Amino acid sequence: MNRVYSPEFRPAVYGRDPCFSGNPVSLYMSLQHNSEVVRVDCMYLQQKNTSQISGTSWAEQWTRLKERHIRSIHTNNQKTFWDDPDNVSMYLENIQGDYSKMVDEQLRIIDAPPGCSVLDIGSGPGTLAVPLAKQGCNVTVIEQAPLMCQALEEYRIQQDVPLIKIINRPWEDVTCDELRGLFDLIISSFSLTMTDIAGTIRMIQRISSGRVYLFWFLTLPSWAQMMQDLWPELHGREYYPTPLADCLWNVLYEMGIYANLEVMEPAPPVFYESVVQAARTIAKQFECTEEWQDKIIHEYLTKNVSITPDGRILAGGEHRSATIWWDNHRL
């Protein structure tokens, strides 16, 4: 089964399992490698990684899994990861460096024509918003982290692109009236933090006049796998990951939205200059403030990292993401 995630595989068919008679519907993918077609059952991925809750709708499952995830990552630290300017700067550097190929792939998938109106939900520092504005799109973003909004504006000025309308509030606090009209394209790139996913989709549908693109995790990211290993020692409880792309697709199916799902190229691994640098960065990401926590992370990395030929440290491995999209002109 591991070979399914090799870069040589390409998506062939997506759909619902004709042999699955129950409700909800089981999403499957067939991926082609040379002449061989391999089926991947996404429901298996969800059950394995996020402990799917039976007997409820997919929207309810998303809510319960997301709430459990949020409870598991809550710490006494009053500041979040994105309240630190260094973390925001590091993220912006990554999307212009190691992650630039992934950004290019997303832009290719979106294929936004100049002049179209775009809403970016959870834009971060302008990962997609700034390139889209540079292409001539009229971009509005919703981003709740003040430092991310500040970084977006700096990135926009650096790239010399037109003004981007920034709404600096949580998605849940924004109204349709405030957005003033419909959008040709609505995107959300790895920012579906909402517990009420069905309510989010309903609002998206009210303000969409065209295509919607949701980029989300198909398999657990390497940092989430690391959190599962370390969280009990660091914070005294289990870490529960966020629901994955199969759950999201089934939420849409239940709502009568028959979306496309495309498997993206593997996300690039994360490299560090040393174990010390890796431990320092991961300690911030994992909300660690004590010296004994730093020691646990350092010991874990010493046993689990790989060293590249050029001497860099590789912590974690590849994971797969998915693009879930639909065109409201065709529903």
Protein backbone atom coordinates (compact mmCIF):
# COMPACT_ATOMS: atom_id res chain seq x y z
CA MET A 1 0.00 0.00 0.00
CA ASN A 2 2.88 2.40 0.66
CA ARG A 3 3.75 2.50 -3.03
CA VAL A 4 0.49 4.31 -3.72
CA TYR A 5 2.09 7.51 -2.47
CA SER A 6 5.05 7.30 -4.84
CA PRO A 7 5.38 10.30 -7.21
CA GLU A 8 5.09 7.87 -10.16
CA PHE A 9 1.41 7.36 -9.42
CA ARG A 10 -1.14 9.65 -11.02
CA PRO A 11 -4.85 10.08 -10.21
CA ALA A 12 -7.15 8.22 -12.57
CA VAL A 13 -10.67 7.97 -11.17
CA TYR A 14 -12.51 9.34 -8.15
CA GLY A 15 -15.96 8.38 -7.02
CA ARG A 16 -18.19 6.59 -4.57
CA ASP A 17 -18.05 2.90 -3.89
CA PRO A 18 -20.88 1.11 -5.76
CA CYS A 19 -20.52 -1.81 -3.35
CA PHE A 20 -21.06 0.36 -0.29
CA SER A 21 -24.77 0.26 0.49
CA GLY A 22 -24.79 2.17 3.75
CA ASN A 23 -24.85 5.85 4.51
CA PRO A 24 -22.54 7.77 4.45
CA VAL A 25 -20.84 7.11 1.15
CA SER A 26 -17.32 5.70 1.04
CA LEU A 27 -14.94 7.73 -1.08
CA TYR A 28 -12.38 5.85 -3.07
CA MET A 29 -9.62 6.78 -5.46
CA SER A 30 -8.03 4.76 -8.22
CA LEU A 31 -4.46 5.69 -9.04
CA GLN A 32 -2.66 4.45 -12.10
CA HIS A 33 0.97 3.33 -12.20
CA ASN A 34 2.00 2.28 -15.72
CA SER A 35 -0.72 -0.26 -16.64
CA GLU A 36 -1.67 -1.09 -13.06
CA VAL A 37 -4.59 0.58 -11.28
CA VAL A 38 -4.44 0.69 -7.49
CA ARG A 39 -7.47 1.53 -5.41
CA VAL A 40 -7.09 3.62 -2.27
CA ASP A 41 -9.99 3.64 0.19
CA CYS A 42 -9.98 7.08 1.81
CA MET A 43 -12.38 5.90 4.49
CA TYR A 44 -9.64 3.53 5.60
CA LEU A 45 -7.30 6.51 5.96
CA GLN A 46 -9.85 8.36 8.08
CA GLN A 47 -10.53 5.38 10.33
CA LYS A 48 -6.83 4.71 10.76
CA ASN A 49 -5.76 8.26 11.46
CA THR A 50 -8.68 10.04 13.09
CA SER A 51 -10.86 7.34 14.67
CA GLN A 52 -14.03 7.93 12.70
CA ILE A 53 -17.15 8.17 14.85
CA SER A 54 -19.92 5.88 13.62
CA GLY A 55 -23.65 6.50 13.70
CA THR A 56 -23.57 10.21 12.89
CA SER A 57 -23.56 12.34 9.78
CA TRP A 58 -20.24 13.27 8.23
CA ALA A 59 -20.76 16.90 9.25
CA GLU A 60 -21.28 15.82 12.87
CA GLN A 61 -18.22 13.60 12.65
CA TRP A 62 -16.14 16.53 11.38
CA THR A 63 -17.36 18.67 14.29
CA ARG A 64 -16.61 16.04 16.93
CA LEU A 65 -13.20 15.19 15.49
CA LYS A 66 -12.29 18.86 15.10
CA GLU A 67 -13.43 19.70 18.65
CA ARG A 68 -11.44 16.74 19.99
CA HIS A 69 -8.42 17.97 18.02
CA ILE A 70 -8.76 21.50 19.44
CA ARG A 71 -9.10 20.21 23.01
CA SER A 72 -6.02 18.03 22.60
CA ILE A 73 -3.78 20.90 21.45
CA HIS A 74 -4.95 23.42 24.05
CA THR A 75 -2.13 24.51 26.37
CA ASN A 76 -1.75 27.11 29.11
CA ASN A 77 0.40 29.23 26.84
CA GLN A 78 -1.57 32.43 26.21
CA LYS A 79 0.24 33.14 22.95
CA THR A 80 -0.39 31.08 19.83
CA PHE A 81 2.29 30.00 17.37
CA TRP A 82 1.25 32.77 14.97
CA ASP A 83 1.63 35.48 17.62
CA ASP A 84 5.41 35.20 17.23
CA PRO A 85 6.81 37.41 14.42
CA ASP A 86 9.71 34.99 13.88
CA ASN A 87 7.29 32.15 13.12
CA VAL A 88 5.35 34.27 10.64
CA SER A 89 8.59 35.35 8.94
CA MET A 90 9.77 31.73 8.74
CA TYR A 91 6.47 30.69 7.14
CA LEU A 92 6.70 33.46 4.55
CA GLU A 93 10.27 32.43 3.73
CA ASN A 94 9.17 28.81 3.27
CA ILE A 95 6.40 29.60 0.79
CA GLN A 96 8.86 31.58 -1.29
CA GLY A 97 11.53 28.88 -0.91
CA ASP A 98 11.06 25.16 -0.21
CA TYR A 99 7.27 25.31 -0.65
CA SER A 100 7.23 27.48 -3.77
CA LYS A 101 6.65 24.44 -6.02
CA MET A 102 3.57 23.53 -4.02
CA VAL A 103 2.28 27.11 -4.32
CA ASP A 104 2.88 26.98 -8.08
CA GLU A 105 0.91 23.72 -8.27
CA GLN A 106 -2.00 25.30 -6.39
CA LEU A 107 -2.01 28.31 -8.71
CA ARG A 108 -1.98 26.01 -11.73
CA ILE A 109 -4.95 24.07 -10.36
CA ILE A 110 -6.93 27.22 -9.57
CA ASP A 111 -6.22 28.69 -13.03
CA ALA A 112 -7.67 32.10 -12.17
CA PRO A 113 -8.27 34.45 -15.13
CA PRO A 114 -7.28 38.13 -14.77
CA GLY A 115 -10.11 40.31 -13.52
CA CYS A 116 -11.93 37.60 -11.59
CA SER A 117 -13.00 38.17 -7.99
CA VAL A 118 -11.34 35.89 -5.43
CA LEU A 119 -12.08 35.24 -1.75
CA ASP A 120 -9.23 33.60 0.17
CA ILE A 121 -10.39 32.14 3.50
CA GLY A 122 -7.53 31.91 5.99
CA SER A 123 -4.99 33.49 3.68
CA GLY A 124 -1.98 33.44 6.00
CA PRO A 125 0.75 35.83 4.81
CA GLY A 126 -0.66 35.92 1.29
CA THR A 127 0.54 32.50 0.14
CA LEU A 128 -1.97 32.48 -2.73
CA ALA A 129 -3.55 35.91 -2.37
CA VAL A 130 -0.48 37.89 -3.43
CA PRO A 131 0.33 35.77 -6.53
CA LEU A 132 -3.35 35.89 -7.55
CA ALA A 133 -3.43 39.67 -7.17
CA LYS A 134 -0.25 39.81 -9.23
CA GLN A 135 -2.08 37.88 -11.97
CA GLY A 136 -4.70 40.62 -12.07
CA CYS A 137 -7.38 39.14 -9.80
CA ASN A 138 -9.45 41.25 -7.41
CA VAL A 139 -8.61 39.57 -4.11
CA THR A 140 -10.33 39.71 -0.72
CA VAL A 141 -8.90 37.77 2.22
CA ILE A 142 -10.24 36.72 5.60
CA GLU A 143 -7.42 36.20 8.12
CA GLN A 144 -7.80 36.34 11.89
CA ALA A 145 -4.09 36.56 12.89
CA PRO A 146 -2.96 40.23 12.98
CA LEU A 147 0.69 39.37 12.27
CA MET A 148 -0.34 37.34 9.23
CA CYS A 149 -2.26 40.34 7.89
CA GLN A 150 0.77 42.53 8.47
CA ALA A 151 3.02 40.01 6.69
CA LEU A 152 0.56 39.83 3.79
CA GLU A 153 0.67 43.59 3.31
CA GLU A 154 4.48 43.59 3.42
CA TYR A 155 4.59 40.72 0.91
CA ARG A 156 2.14 42.58 -1.35
CA ILE A 157 4.28 45.72 -1.31
CA GLN A 158 7.43 43.68 -1.93
CA GLN A 159 5.82 42.08 -4.99
CA ASP A 160 4.39 45.43 -6.17
CA VAL A 161 0.84 44.15 -6.66
CA PRO A 162 -2.53 45.96 -6.36
CA LEU A 163 -4.33 46.43 -3.07
CA ILE A 164 -5.85 43.39 -1.41
CA LYS A 165 -8.90 43.82 0.81
CA ILE A 166 -8.08 42.35 4.23
CA ILE A 167 -10.76 41.34 6.74
CA ASN A 168 -8.86 40.74 9.99
CA ARG A 169 -11.40 38.60 11.86
CA PRO A 170 -12.27 34.94 12.29
CA TRP A 171 -14.32 33.45 9.45
CA GLU A 172 -17.17 32.74 11.87
CA ASP A 173 -17.54 36.48 12.62
CA VAL A 174 -17.84 37.56 8.97
CA THR A 175 -21.28 38.07 7.40
CA CYS A 176 -22.41 37.72 3.80
CA ASP A 177 -23.48 41.38 3.76
CA GLU A 178 -19.97 42.46 4.71
CA LEU A 179 -18.50 40.58 1.76
CA ARG A 180 -20.73 42.56 -0.61
CA GLY A 181 -21.57 40.32 -3.50
CA LEU A 182 -20.50 37.08 -5.12
CA PHE A 183 -17.05 35.73 -5.87
CA ASP A 184 -15.91 33.99 -9.05
CA LEU A 185 -13.42 31.93 -7.06
CA ILE A 186 -13.36 30.96 -3.38
CA ILE A 187 -10.29 29.24 -1.98
CA SER A 188 -9.14 27.88 1.36
CA SER A 189 -5.59 26.57 1.56
CA PHE A 190 -5.04 24.33 4.60
CA SER A 191 -7.03 26.72 6.78
CA LEU A 192 -10.25 24.84 7.56
CA THR A 193 -10.11 25.41 11.31
CA MET A 194 -13.91 25.63 11.63
CA THR A 195 -15.80 23.15 13.77
CA ASP A 196 -19.07 23.83 11.92
CA ILE A 197 -17.96 22.71 8.47
CA ALA A 198 -21.51 22.36 7.12
CA GLY A 199 -22.30 25.96 8.12
CA THR A 200 -19.06 27.06 6.47
CA ILE A 201 -19.96 25.31 3.22
CA ARG A 202 -23.47 26.79 3.24
CA MET A 203 -22.05 30.30 3.56
CA ILE A 204 -19.50 29.61 0.83
CA GLN A 205 -22.33 28.53 -1.45
CA ARG A 206 -24.28 31.71 -0.74
CA ILE A 207 -21.39 33.92 -1.85
CA SER A 208 -20.02 31.79 -4.69
CA SER A 209 -20.83 32.41 -8.34
CA GLY A 210 -18.30 29.94 -9.71
CA ARG A 211 -15.58 27.57 -8.57
CA VAL A 212 -14.58 26.63 -5.02
CA TYR A 213 -11.19 25.12 -4.13
CA LEU A 214 -10.48 23.55 -0.73
CA PHE A 215 -6.91 22.34 -0.20
CA TRP A 216 -6.71 19.88 2.68
CA PHE A 217 -4.71 16.99 4.13
CA LEU A 218 -5.26 13.56 2.61
CA THR A 219 -2.78 11.82 4.91
CA LEU A 220 -1.34 12.98 8.22
CA PRO A 221 1.42 15.59 7.84
CA SER A 222 4.78 14.64 9.30
CA TRP A 223 4.40 17.23 12.07
CA ALA A 224 1.08 15.66 13.13
CA GLN A 225 2.69 12.23 13.25
CA MET A 226 5.43 13.71 15.43
CA MET A 227 2.83 15.32 17.69
CA GLN A 228 1.14 11.96 18.19
CA ASP A 229 4.48 10.54 19.35
CA LEU A 230 5.53 13.43 21.61
CA TRP A 231 2.37 15.11 22.90
CA PRO A 232 1.69 12.70 25.80
CA GLU A 233 5.21 13.26 27.19
CA LEU A 234 5.19 17.00 26.54
CA HIS A 235 1.67 17.86 27.69
CA GLY A 236 0.34 14.82 29.54
CA ARG A 237 -2.44 13.82 27.13
CA GLU A 238 -3.01 12.27 23.73
CA TYR A 239 -2.85 14.34 20.56
CA TYR A 240 -5.77 13.88 18.18
CA PRO A 241 -5.31 15.05 14.58
CA THR A 242 -7.76 17.03 12.51
CA PRO A 243 -10.24 15.20 10.24
CA LEU A 244 -8.86 14.50 6.78
CA ALA A 245 -9.96 15.06 3.19
CA ASP A 246 -12.19 11.98 2.96
CA CYS A 247 -14.38 13.31 5.78
CA LEU A 248 -14.58 16.69 4.06
CA TRP A 249 -15.55 15.11 0.73
CA ASN A 250 -18.32 13.10 2.39
CA VAL A 251 -19.66 16.23 4.12
CA LEU A 252 -20.00 17.79 0.68
CA TYR A 253 -21.67 14.66 -0.71
CA GLU A 254 -24.25 14.70 2.08
CA MET A 255 -24.98 18.33 1.18
CA GLY A 256 -25.58 17.46 -2.48
CA ILE A 257 -22.23 18.81 -3.70
CA TYR A 258 -20.52 16.19 -5.85
CA ALA A 259 -17.00 17.54 -5.71
CA ASN A 260 -13.86 16.53 -7.56
CA LEU A 261 -10.90 15.29 -5.55
CA GLU A 262 -7.38 15.50 -6.95
CA VAL A 263 -4.31 14.14 -5.20
CA MET A 264 -1.50 16.68 -5.14
CA GLU A 265 2.21 16.05 -5.46
CA PRO A 266 3.86 15.14 -2.13
CA ALA A 267 4.52 18.13 0.09
CA PRO A 268 8.26 18.80 0.41
CA PRO A 269 9.95 17.49 3.55
CA VAL A 270 11.26 19.93 6.14
CA PHE A 271 15.02 20.35 6.41
CA TYR A 272 17.02 21.90 9.25
CA GLU A 273 20.67 22.86 9.56
CA SER A 274 21.11 20.91 12.80
CA VAL A 275 19.26 18.87 15.42
CA VAL A 276 19.48 21.87 17.74
CA GLN A 277 17.74 24.11 15.19
CA ALA A 278 15.10 21.45 14.53
CA ALA A 279 14.44 21.01 18.26
CA ARG A 280 14.17 24.76 18.80
CA THR A 281 11.69 25.20 15.93
CA ILE A 282 9.57 22.19 16.88
CA ALA A 283 9.46 23.29 20.53
CA LYS A 284 7.82 26.54 19.39
CA GLN A 285 5.36 24.70 17.16
CA PHE A 286 4.46 22.32 19.97
CA GLU A 287 3.85 25.13 22.51
CA CYS A 288 6.77 24.09 24.73
CA THR A 289 8.19 26.61 27.21
CA GLU A 290 10.12 24.42 29.68
CA GLU A 291 13.68 23.13 29.46
CA TRP A 292 12.63 19.54 30.20
CA GLN A 293 10.29 19.64 27.20
CA ASP A 294 13.14 20.81 24.97
CA LYS A 295 15.20 17.85 26.18
CA ILE A 296 12.44 15.37 25.25
CA ILE A 297 12.21 16.82 21.74
CA HIS A 298 15.99 16.81 21.29
CA GLU A 299 16.24 13.15 22.37
CA TYR A 300 13.38 12.17 20.06
CA LEU A 301 14.96 13.90 17.07
CA THR A 302 18.37 12.39 17.77
CA LYS A 303 16.80 8.94 17.38
CA ASN A 304 14.43 9.69 14.49
CA VAL A 305 15.98 12.18 12.06
CA SER A 306 17.81 11.43 8.82
CA ILE A 307 20.92 13.22 7.64
CA THR A 308 21.11 14.26 3.97
CA PRO A 309 24.32 13.98 1.90
CA ASP A 310 24.87 17.72 2.30
CA GLY A 311 24.66 17.43 6.09
CA ARG A 312 21.17 18.82 6.64
CA ILE A 313 18.66 17.28 9.03
CA LEU A 314 15.43 15.75 7.71
CA ALA A 315 12.74 15.51 10.40
CA GLY A 316 9.62 13.65 9.28
CA GLY A 317 8.66 12.48 5.82
CA GLU A 318 6.33 13.20 2.95
CA HIS A 319 2.58 13.45 3.18
CA ARG A 320 -0.20 13.80 0.63
CA SER A 321 -2.70 16.61 0.27
CA ALA A 322 -5.83 16.88 -1.84
CA THR A 323 -7.63 19.53 -3.83
CA ILE A 324 -11.38 19.26 -3.39
CA TRP A 325 -13.17 21.51 -5.85
CA TRP A 326 -16.48 22.08 -7.59
CA ASP A 327 -18.03 24.50 -10.03
CA ASN A 328 -21.36 26.00 -8.96
CA HIS A 329 -22.20 26.66 -12.61
CA ARG A 330 -22.40 22.89 -13.07
CA LEU A 331 -24.17 21.74 -9.90
